[in-house]
PDB file of all heavy atoms in Angstrom:
ATOM      1  N   VAL A   1      -6.686  20.889  -3.514  1.00  0.00           N
ATOM      2  CA  VAL A   1      -5.796  20.508  -2.381  1.00  0.00           C
ATOM      3  C   VAL A   1      -5.459  21.737  -1.639  1.00  0.00           C
ATOM      4  O   VAL A   1      -4.851  22.690  -2.173  1.00  0.00           O
ATOM      5  CB  VAL A   1      -4.575  19.772  -2.872  1.00  0.00           C
ATOM      6  CG1 VAL A   1      -3.628  19.439  -1.733  1.00  0.00           C
ATOM      7  CG2 VAL A   1      -4.941  18.455  -3.531  1.00  0.00           C
ATOM      8  N   GLY A   2      -5.774  21.828  -0.404  1.00  0.00           N
ATOM      9  CA  GLY A   2      -5.650  23.034   0.406  1.00  0.00           C
ATOM     10  C   GLY A   2      -4.149  23.417   0.703  1.00  0.00           C
ATOM     11  O   GLY A   2      -3.265  22.524   0.541  1.00  0.00           O
ATOM     12  N   GLN A   3      -3.885  24.642   1.112  1.00  0.00           N
ATOM     13  CA  GLN A   3      -2.607  25.111   1.376  1.00  0.00           C
ATOM     14  C   GLN A   3      -1.937  24.331   2.526  1.00  0.00           C
ATOM     15  O   GLN A   3      -0.748  24.239   2.566  1.00  0.00           O
ATOM     16  CB  GLN A   3      -2.645  26.559   1.743  1.00  0.00           C
ATOM     17  CG  GLN A   3      -2.966  27.541   0.555  1.00  0.00           C
ATOM     18  CD  GLN A   3      -1.701  27.574  -0.326  1.00  0.00           C
ATOM     19  OE1 GLN A   3      -1.282  26.540  -0.842  1.00  0.00           O
ATOM     20  NE2 GLN A   3      -1.269  28.759  -0.522  1.00  0.00           N
ATOM     21  N   LEU A   4      -2.779  23.735   3.356  1.00  0.00           N
ATOM     22  CA  LEU A   4      -2.216  22.991   4.476  1.00  0.00           C
ATOM     23  C   LEU A   4      -1.267  21.926   4.040  1.00  0.00           C
ATOM     24  O   LEU A   4      -0.177  21.706   4.568  1.00  0.00           O
ATOM     25  CB  LEU A   4      -3.377  22.360   5.262  1.00  0.00           C
ATOM     26  CG  LEU A   4      -3.047  21.337   6.357  1.00  0.00           C
ATOM     27  CD1 LEU A   4      -2.186  22.000   7.487  1.00  0.00           C
ATOM     28  CD2 LEU A   4      -4.214  20.719   6.932  1.00  0.00           C
ATOM     29  N   TYR A   5      -1.600  21.247   2.933  1.00  0.00           N
ATOM     30  CA  TYR A   5      -0.704  20.143   2.430  1.00  0.00           C
ATOM     31  C   TYR A   5       0.549  20.659   1.800  1.00  0.00           C
ATOM     32  O   TYR A   5       1.576  19.962   1.914  1.00  0.00           O
ATOM     33  CB  TYR A   5      -1.512  19.302   1.422  1.00  0.00           C
ATOM     34  CG  TYR A   5      -2.736  18.694   1.996  1.00  0.00           C
ATOM     35  CD1 TYR A   5      -3.992  19.323   1.846  1.00  0.00           C
ATOM     36  CD2 TYR A   5      -2.668  17.572   2.837  1.00  0.00           C
ATOM     37  CE1 TYR A   5      -5.126  18.736   2.397  1.00  0.00           C
ATOM     38  CE2 TYR A   5      -3.831  17.053   3.425  1.00  0.00           C
ATOM     39  CZ  TYR A   5      -5.078  17.640   3.230  1.00  0.00           C
ATOM     40  OH  TYR A   5      -6.143  17.125   3.770  1.00  0.00           O
ATOM     41  N   SER A   6       0.545  21.795   1.245  1.00  0.00           N
ATOM     42  CA  SER A   6       1.753  22.390   0.639  1.00  0.00           C
ATOM     43  C   SER A   6       2.781  22.775   1.767  1.00  0.00           C
ATOM     44  O   SER A   6       3.982  22.987   1.544  1.00  0.00           O
ATOM     45  CB  SER A   6       1.487  23.528  -0.217  1.00  0.00           C
ATOM     46  OG  SER A   6       0.949  24.604   0.478  1.00  0.00           O
ATOM     47  N   GLN A   7       2.280  22.959   3.015  1.00  0.00           N
ATOM     48  CA  GLN A   7       3.135  23.281   4.108  1.00  0.00           C
ATOM     49  C   GLN A   7       3.832  22.051   4.779  1.00  0.00           C
ATOM     50  O   GLN A   7       4.665  22.200   5.590  1.00  0.00           O
ATOM     51  CB  GLN A   7       2.392  24.082   5.134  1.00  0.00           C
ATOM     52  CG  GLN A   7       1.892  25.404   4.618  1.00  0.00           C
ATOM     53  CD  GLN A   7       0.916  26.085   5.596  1.00  0.00           C
ATOM     54  OE1 GLN A   7       0.711  25.663   6.715  1.00  0.00           O
ATOM     55  NE2 GLN A   7       0.320  27.179   5.088  1.00  0.00           N
ATOM     56  N   LEU A   8       3.376  20.902   4.360  1.00  0.00           N
ATOM     57  CA  LEU A   8       3.922  19.685   4.945  1.00  0.00           C
ATOM     58  C   LEU A   8       5.193  19.278   4.119  1.00  0.00           C
ATOM     59  O   LEU A   8       5.336  19.680   2.984  1.00  0.00           O
ATOM     60  CB  LEU A   8       2.895  18.539   4.801  1.00  0.00           C
ATOM     61  CG  LEU A   8       1.655  18.757   5.710  1.00  0.00           C
ATOM     62  CD1 LEU A   8       0.649  17.663   5.489  1.00  0.00           C
ATOM     63  CD2 LEU A   8       2.036  18.902   7.139  1.00  0.00           C
ATOM     64  N   PRO A   9       6.063  18.493   4.709  1.00  0.00           N
ATOM     65  CA  PRO A   9       7.395  18.234   4.096  1.00  0.00           C
ATOM     66  C   PRO A   9       7.364  17.181   3.031  1.00  0.00           C
ATOM     67  O   PRO A   9       8.092  16.179   3.029  1.00  0.00           O
ATOM     68  CB  PRO A   9       8.253  17.803   5.236  1.00  0.00           C
ATOM     69  CG  PRO A   9       7.325  17.196   6.172  1.00  0.00           C
ATOM     70  CD  PRO A   9       6.023  17.937   6.112  1.00  0.00           C
ATOM     71  N   PHE A  10       6.474  17.361   2.008  1.00  0.00           N
ATOM     72  CA  PHE A  10       6.440  16.431   0.933  1.00  0.00           C
ATOM     73  C   PHE A  10       7.483  16.772  -0.134  1.00  0.00           C
ATOM     74  O   PHE A  10       7.731  17.994  -0.436  1.00  0.00           O
ATOM     75  CB  PHE A  10       5.016  16.448   0.214  1.00  0.00           C
ATOM     76  CG  PHE A  10       3.946  15.838   1.019  1.00  0.00           C
ATOM     77  CD1 PHE A  10       2.964  16.608   1.588  1.00  0.00           C
ATOM     78  CD2 PHE A  10       3.918  14.430   1.317  1.00  0.00           C
ATOM     79  CE1 PHE A  10       1.928  16.084   2.385  1.00  0.00           C
ATOM     80  CE2 PHE A  10       2.916  13.890   2.094  1.00  0.00           C
ATOM     81  CZ  PHE A  10       1.922  14.731   2.600  1.00  0.00           C
ATOM     82  N   SER A  11       8.086  15.726  -0.726  1.00  0.00           N
ATOM     83  CA  SER A  11       9.111  15.935  -1.806  1.00  0.00           C
ATOM     84  C   SER A  11       8.378  16.263  -3.032  1.00  0.00           C
ATOM     85  O   SER A  11       8.944  16.798  -4.000  1.00  0.00           O
ATOM     86  CB  SER A  11       9.952  14.673  -1.958  1.00  0.00           C
ATOM     87  OG  SER A  11      10.692  14.500  -0.782  1.00  0.00           O
ATOM     88  N   GLY A  12       7.112  15.823  -3.182  1.00  0.00           N
ATOM     89  CA  GLY A  12       6.308  16.063  -4.365  1.00  0.00           C
ATOM     90  C   GLY A  12       4.887  15.718  -4.172  1.00  0.00           C
ATOM     91  O   GLY A  12       4.492  15.241  -3.123  1.00  0.00           O
ATOM     92  N   MET A  13       4.081  16.045  -5.150  1.00  0.00           N
ATOM     93  CA  MET A  13       2.617  15.844  -5.066  1.00  0.00           C
ATOM     94  C   MET A  13       2.127  15.315  -6.467  1.00  0.00           C
ATOM     95  O   MET A  13       2.579  15.725  -7.524  1.00  0.00           O
ATOM     96  CB  MET A  13       1.881  17.064  -4.725  1.00  0.00           C
ATOM     97  CG  MET A  13       2.224  17.548  -3.336  1.00  0.00           C
ATOM     98  SD  MET A  13       1.107  18.895  -2.876  1.00  0.00           S
ATOM     99  CE  MET A  13       1.821  19.277  -1.260  1.00  0.00           C
ATOM    100  N   ILE A  14       1.338  14.289  -6.392  1.00  0.00           N
ATOM    101  CA  ILE A  14       0.723  13.739  -7.611  1.00  0.00           C
ATOM    102  C   ILE A  14      -0.780  14.027  -7.566  1.00  0.00           C
ATOM    103  O   ILE A  14      -1.502  13.663  -6.597  1.00  0.00           O
ATOM    104  CB  ILE A  14       0.983  12.255  -7.651  1.00  0.00           C
ATOM    105  CG1 ILE A  14       2.490  11.935  -7.664  1.00  0.00           C
ATOM    106  CG2 ILE A  14       0.282  11.590  -8.893  1.00  0.00           C
ATOM    107  CD1 ILE A  14       2.858  10.474  -7.514  1.00  0.00           C
ATOM    108  N   PHE A  15      -1.238  14.780  -8.514  1.00  0.00           N
ATOM    109  CA  PHE A  15      -2.647  15.265  -8.547  1.00  0.00           C
ATOM    110  C   PHE A  15      -3.408  14.550  -9.641  1.00  0.00           C
ATOM    111  O   PHE A  15      -2.801  13.986 -10.599  1.00  0.00           O
ATOM    112  CB  PHE A  15      -2.770  16.753  -8.797  1.00  0.00           C
ATOM    113  CG  PHE A  15      -2.038  17.566  -7.790  1.00  0.00           C
ATOM    114  CD1 PHE A  15      -0.815  18.157  -8.112  1.00  0.00           C
ATOM    115  CD2 PHE A  15      -2.543  17.743  -6.538  1.00  0.00           C
ATOM    116  CE1 PHE A  15      -0.115  18.948  -7.065  1.00  0.00           C
ATOM    117  CE2 PHE A  15      -1.924  18.482  -5.526  1.00  0.00           C
ATOM    118  CZ  PHE A  15      -0.701  19.122  -5.872  1.00  0.00           C
ATOM    119  N   SER A  16      -4.760  14.617  -9.608  1.00  0.00           N
ATOM    120  CA  SER A  16      -5.656  14.132 -10.664  1.00  0.00           C
ATOM    121  C   SER A  16      -5.277  12.715 -11.102  1.00  0.00           C
ATOM    122  O   SER A  16      -5.199  12.430 -12.304  1.00  0.00           O
ATOM    123  CB  SER A  16      -5.597  15.074 -11.831  1.00  0.00           C
ATOM    124  OG  SER A  16      -5.928  16.414 -11.421  1.00  0.00           O
ATOM    125  N   SER A  17      -5.020  11.840 -10.139  1.00  0.00           N
ATOM    126  CA  SER A  17      -4.738  10.457 -10.429  1.00  0.00           C
ATOM    127  C   SER A  17      -3.526  10.278 -11.391  1.00  0.00           C
ATOM    128  O   SER A  17      -3.530   9.365 -12.198  1.00  0.00           O
ATOM    129  CB  SER A  17      -5.994   9.711 -10.915  1.00  0.00           C
ATOM    130  OG  SER A  17      -7.018   9.820  -9.998  1.00  0.00           O
ATOM    131  N   GLY A  18      -2.600  11.145 -11.247  1.00  0.00           N
ATOM    132  CA  GLY A  18      -1.343  11.072 -12.063  1.00  0.00           C
ATOM    133  C   GLY A  18      -1.286  11.935 -13.244  1.00  0.00           C
ATOM    134  O   GLY A  18      -0.293  11.993 -13.924  1.00  0.00           O
ATOM    135  N   ALA A  19      -2.317  12.767 -13.524  1.00  0.00           N
ATOM    136  CA  ALA A  19      -2.315  13.646 -14.707  1.00  0.00           C
ATOM    137  C   ALA A  19      -1.368  14.851 -14.436  1.00  0.00           C
ATOM    138  O   ALA A  19      -0.949  15.519 -15.394  1.00  0.00           O
ATOM    139  CB  ALA A  19      -3.750  14.183 -14.917  1.00  0.00           C
ATOM    140  N   GLN A  20      -1.061  15.183 -13.157  1.00  0.00           N
ATOM    141  CA  GLN A  20      -0.072  16.254 -12.883  1.00  0.00           C
ATOM    142  C   GLN A  20       0.837  15.792 -11.730  1.00  0.00           C
ATOM    143  O   GLN A  20       0.333  15.291 -10.728  1.00  0.00           O
ATOM    144  CB  GLN A  20      -0.851  17.492 -12.420  1.00  0.00           C
ATOM    145  CG  GLN A  20       0.091  18.670 -12.100  1.00  0.00           C
ATOM    146  CD  GLN A  20      -0.678  19.891 -11.666  1.00  0.00           C
ATOM    147  OE1 GLN A  20      -1.878  19.896 -11.432  1.00  0.00           O
ATOM    148  NE2 GLN A  20       0.096  20.991 -11.563  1.00  0.00           N
ATOM    149  N   ILE A  21       2.092  15.957 -11.992  1.00  0.00           N
ATOM    150  CA  ILE A  21       3.087  15.637 -11.043  1.00  0.00           C
ATOM    151  C   ILE A  21       3.958  16.860 -10.728  1.00  0.00           C
ATOM    152  O   ILE A  21       4.599  17.388 -11.672  1.00  0.00           O
ATOM    153  CB  ILE A  21       3.903  14.358 -11.437  1.00  0.00           C
ATOM    154  CG1 ILE A  21       3.009  13.215 -11.720  1.00  0.00           C
ATOM    155  CG2 ILE A  21       5.002  14.087 -10.405  1.00  0.00           C
ATOM    156  CD1 ILE A  21       3.735  12.035 -12.348  1.00  0.00           C
ATOM    157  N   VAL A  22       4.056  17.150  -9.463  1.00  0.00           N
ATOM    158  CA  VAL A  22       4.944  18.297  -8.983  1.00  0.00           C
ATOM    159  C   VAL A  22       6.004  17.678  -8.109  1.00  0.00           C
ATOM    160  O   VAL A  22       5.685  17.018  -7.125  1.00  0.00           O
ATOM    161  CB  VAL A  22       4.094  19.347  -8.299  1.00  0.00           C
ATOM    162  CG1 VAL A  22       4.959  20.473  -7.782  1.00  0.00           C
ATOM    163  CG2 VAL A  22       2.975  19.859  -9.199  1.00  0.00           C
ATOM    164  N   ILE A  23       7.273  17.938  -8.407  1.00  0.00           N
ATOM    165  CA  ILE A  23       8.338  17.522  -7.557  1.00  0.00           C
ATOM    166  C   ILE A  23       9.229  18.703  -7.179  1.00  0.00           C
ATOM    167  O   ILE A  23       9.607  19.520  -8.023  1.00  0.00           O
ATOM    168  CB  ILE A  23       9.203  16.445  -8.267  1.00  0.00           C
ATOM    169  CG1 ILE A  23       8.402  15.249  -8.574  1.00  0.00           C
ATOM    170  CG2 ILE A  23      10.423  16.073  -7.374  1.00  0.00           C
ATOM    171  CD1 ILE A  23       9.135  14.147  -9.353  1.00  0.00           C
ATOM    172  N   GLN A  24       9.431  18.972  -5.869  1.00  0.00           N
ATOM    173  CA  GLN A  24      10.171  20.085  -5.352  1.00  0.00           C
ATOM    174  C   GLN A  24       9.658  21.388  -5.987  1.00  0.00           C
ATOM    175  O   GLN A  24      10.418  22.226  -6.476  1.00  0.00           O
ATOM    176  CB  GLN A  24      11.638  19.926  -5.630  1.00  0.00           C
ATOM    177  CG  GLN A  24      12.273  18.744  -4.993  1.00  0.00           C
ATOM    178  CD  GLN A  24      12.234  18.754  -3.474  1.00  0.00           C
ATOM    179  OE1 GLN A  24      11.972  19.763  -2.842  1.00  0.00           O
ATOM    180  NE2 GLN A  24      12.447  17.591  -2.862  1.00  0.00           N
ATOM    181  N   SER A  25       8.328  21.573  -5.942  1.00  0.00           N
ATOM    182  CA  SER A  25       7.622  22.716  -6.497  1.00  0.00           C
ATOM    183  C   SER A  25       7.746  22.922  -8.006  1.00  0.00           C
ATOM    184  O   SER A  25       7.383  23.978  -8.481  1.00  0.00           O
ATOM    185  CB  SER A  25       8.117  24.013  -5.773  1.00  0.00           C
ATOM    186  OG  SER A  25       7.840  23.878  -4.385  1.00  0.00           O
ATOM    187  N   GLU A  26       8.276  21.954  -8.724  1.00  0.00           N
ATOM    188  CA  GLU A  26       8.362  22.045 -10.161  1.00  0.00           C
ATOM    189  C   GLU A  26       7.461  21.152 -10.838  1.00  0.00           C
ATOM    190  O   GLU A  26       7.348  19.924 -10.514  1.00  0.00           O
ATOM    191  CB  GLU A  26       9.870  21.712 -10.631  1.00  0.00           C
ATOM    192  CG  GLU A  26       9.992  21.853 -12.133  1.00  0.00           C
ATOM    193  CD  GLU A  26      11.380  21.435 -12.570  1.00  0.00           C
ATOM    194  OE1 GLU A  26      12.319  21.446 -11.744  1.00  0.00           O
ATOM    195  OE2 GLU A  26      11.494  21.047 -13.808  1.00  0.00           O
ATOM    196  N   ASN A  27       6.595  21.664 -11.786  1.00  0.00           N
ATOM    197  CA  ASN A  27       5.654  20.912 -12.510  1.00  0.00           C
ATOM    198  C   ASN A  27       6.386  20.034 -13.524  1.00  0.00           C
ATOM    199  O   ASN A  27       6.902  20.533 -14.492  1.00  0.00           O
ATOM    200  CB  ASN A  27       4.669  21.805 -13.159  1.00  0.00           C
ATOM    201  CG  ASN A  27       3.309  21.182 -13.501  1.00  0.00           C
ATOM    202  OD1 ASN A  27       3.090  19.965 -13.157  1.00  0.00           O
ATOM    203  ND2 ASN A  27       2.446  21.898 -14.107  1.00  0.00           N
ATOM    204  N   VAL A  28       6.539  18.694 -13.234  1.00  0.00           N
ATOM    205  CA  VAL A  28       7.285  17.869 -14.130  1.00  0.00           C
ATOM    206  C   VAL A  28       6.475  17.035 -15.109  1.00  0.00           C
ATOM    207  O   VAL A  28       6.975  16.471 -16.053  1.00  0.00           O
ATOM    208  CB  VAL A  28       8.243  16.854 -13.338  1.00  0.00           C
ATOM    209  CG1 VAL A  28       9.225  17.669 -12.537  1.00  0.00           C
ATOM    210  CG2 VAL A  28       7.404  15.930 -12.466  1.00  0.00           C
ATOM    211  N   HIS A  29       5.127  17.007 -14.837  1.00  0.00           N
ATOM    212  CA  HIS A  29       4.245  16.284 -15.782  1.00  0.00           C
ATOM    213  C   HIS A  29       2.865  16.884 -15.683  1.00  0.00           C
ATOM    214  O   HIS A  29       2.331  17.126 -14.594  1.00  0.00           O
ATOM    215  CB  HIS A  29       4.132  14.784 -15.379  1.00  0.00           C
ATOM    216  CG  HIS A  29       3.176  14.073 -16.234  1.00  0.00           C
ATOM    217  ND1 HIS A  29       3.351  13.644 -17.516  1.00  0.00           N
ATOM    218  CD2 HIS A  29       1.908  13.594 -15.875  1.00  0.00           C
ATOM    219  CE1 HIS A  29       2.284  13.014 -17.963  1.00  0.00           C
ATOM    220  NE2 HIS A  29       1.390  12.941 -17.010  1.00  0.00           N
ATOM    221  N   PHE A  30       2.227  17.132 -16.856  1.00  0.00           N
ATOM    222  CA  PHE A  30       0.872  17.660 -16.824  1.00  0.00           C
ATOM    223  C   PHE A  30       0.172  17.145 -18.088  1.00  0.00           C
ATOM    224  O   PHE A  30       0.733  17.372 -19.225  1.00  0.00           O
ATOM    225  CB  PHE A  30       0.810  19.134 -16.808  1.00  0.00           C
ATOM    226  CG  PHE A  30      -0.573  19.710 -16.770  1.00  0.00           C
ATOM    227  CD1 PHE A  30      -1.303  19.670 -15.566  1.00  0.00           C
ATOM    228  CD2 PHE A  30      -1.214  20.179 -17.871  1.00  0.00           C
ATOM    229  CE1 PHE A  30      -2.587  20.121 -15.521  1.00  0.00           C
ATOM    230  CE2 PHE A  30      -2.515  20.637 -17.833  1.00  0.00           C
ATOM    231  CZ  PHE A  30      -3.218  20.583 -16.647  1.00  0.00           C
ATOM    232  N   HIS A  31      -0.851  16.398 -17.989  1.00  0.00           N
ATOM    233  CA  HIS A  31      -1.600  15.934 -19.116  1.00  0.00           C
ATOM    234  C   HIS A  31      -3.052  16.227 -18.911  1.00  0.00           C
ATOM    235  O   HIS A  31      -3.796  15.559 -18.120  1.00  0.00           O
ATOM    236  CB  HIS A  31      -1.404  14.353 -19.277  1.00  0.00           C
ATOM    237  CG  HIS A  31      -2.105  13.829 -20.462  1.00  0.00           C
ATOM    238  ND1 HIS A  31      -1.595  13.971 -21.776  1.00  0.00           N
ATOM    239  CD2 HIS A  31      -3.227  13.170 -20.578  1.00  0.00           C
ATOM    240  CE1 HIS A  31      -2.397  13.388 -22.652  1.00  0.00           C
ATOM    241  NE2 HIS A  31      -3.396  12.905 -21.962  1.00  0.00           N
ATOM    242  N   ALA A  32      -3.482  17.271 -19.606  1.00  0.00           N
ATOM    243  CA  ALA A  32      -4.921  17.693 -19.514  1.00  0.00           C
ATOM    244  C   ALA A  32      -5.738  16.806 -20.408  1.00  0.00           C
ATOM    245  O   ALA A  32      -5.311  16.301 -21.415  1.00  0.00           O
ATOM    246  CB  ALA A  32      -5.005  19.141 -19.858  1.00  0.00           C
ATOM    247  N   PHE A  33      -7.063  16.719 -20.047  1.00  0.00           N
ATOM    248  CA  PHE A  33      -8.012  16.017 -20.865  1.00  0.00           C
ATOM    249  C   PHE A  33      -8.213  16.873 -22.180  1.00  0.00           C
ATOM    250  O   PHE A  33      -8.369  18.035 -22.095  1.00  0.00           O
ATOM    251  CB  PHE A  33      -9.322  15.975 -20.099  1.00  0.00           C
ATOM    252  CG  PHE A  33     -10.280  14.886 -20.477  1.00  0.00           C
ATOM    253  CD1 PHE A  33     -10.116  13.587 -19.984  1.00  0.00           C
ATOM    254  CD2 PHE A  33     -11.352  15.107 -21.344  1.00  0.00           C
ATOM    255  CE1 PHE A  33     -10.934  12.582 -20.382  1.00  0.00           C
ATOM    256  CE2 PHE A  33     -12.175  14.105 -21.756  1.00  0.00           C
ATOM    257  CZ  PHE A  33     -12.028  12.869 -21.246  1.00  0.00           C
ATOM    258  N   PRO A  34      -8.001  16.225 -23.340  1.00  0.00           N
ATOM    259  CA  PRO A  34      -8.177  17.017 -24.588  1.00  0.00           C
ATOM    260  C   PRO A  34      -9.520  17.666 -24.683  1.00  0.00           C
ATOM    261  O   PRO A  34     -10.537  17.029 -24.436  1.00  0.00           O
ATOM    262  CB  PRO A  34      -8.011  15.922 -25.675  1.00  0.00           C
ATOM    263  CG  PRO A  34      -7.325  14.763 -24.975  1.00  0.00           C
ATOM    264  CD  PRO A  34      -7.737  14.836 -23.565  1.00  0.00           C
ATOM    265  N   ILE A  35      -9.594  18.911 -25.086  1.00  0.00           N
ATOM    266  CA  ILE A  35     -10.785  19.676 -25.085  1.00  0.00           C
ATOM    267  C   ILE A  35     -11.844  19.073 -26.032  1.00  0.00           C
ATOM    268  O   ILE A  35     -13.013  19.100 -25.732  1.00  0.00           O
ATOM    269  CB  ILE A  35     -10.553  21.210 -25.443  1.00  0.00           C
ATOM    270  CG1 ILE A  35     -11.755  22.033 -25.167  1.00  0.00           C
ATOM    271  CG2 ILE A  35     -10.036  21.319 -26.904  1.00  0.00           C
ATOM    272  CD1 ILE A  35     -12.077  22.163 -23.703  1.00  0.00           C
TER     273      ILE A  35
END
């Protein structure tokens, strides 16, 4: 996800179909695929 999106006024971002959730620049959830 490019820098352009981080400059927009989003309260948070949900990445990888929900595997990572960032709210107000704080990583509140991260679930990586088990190695």
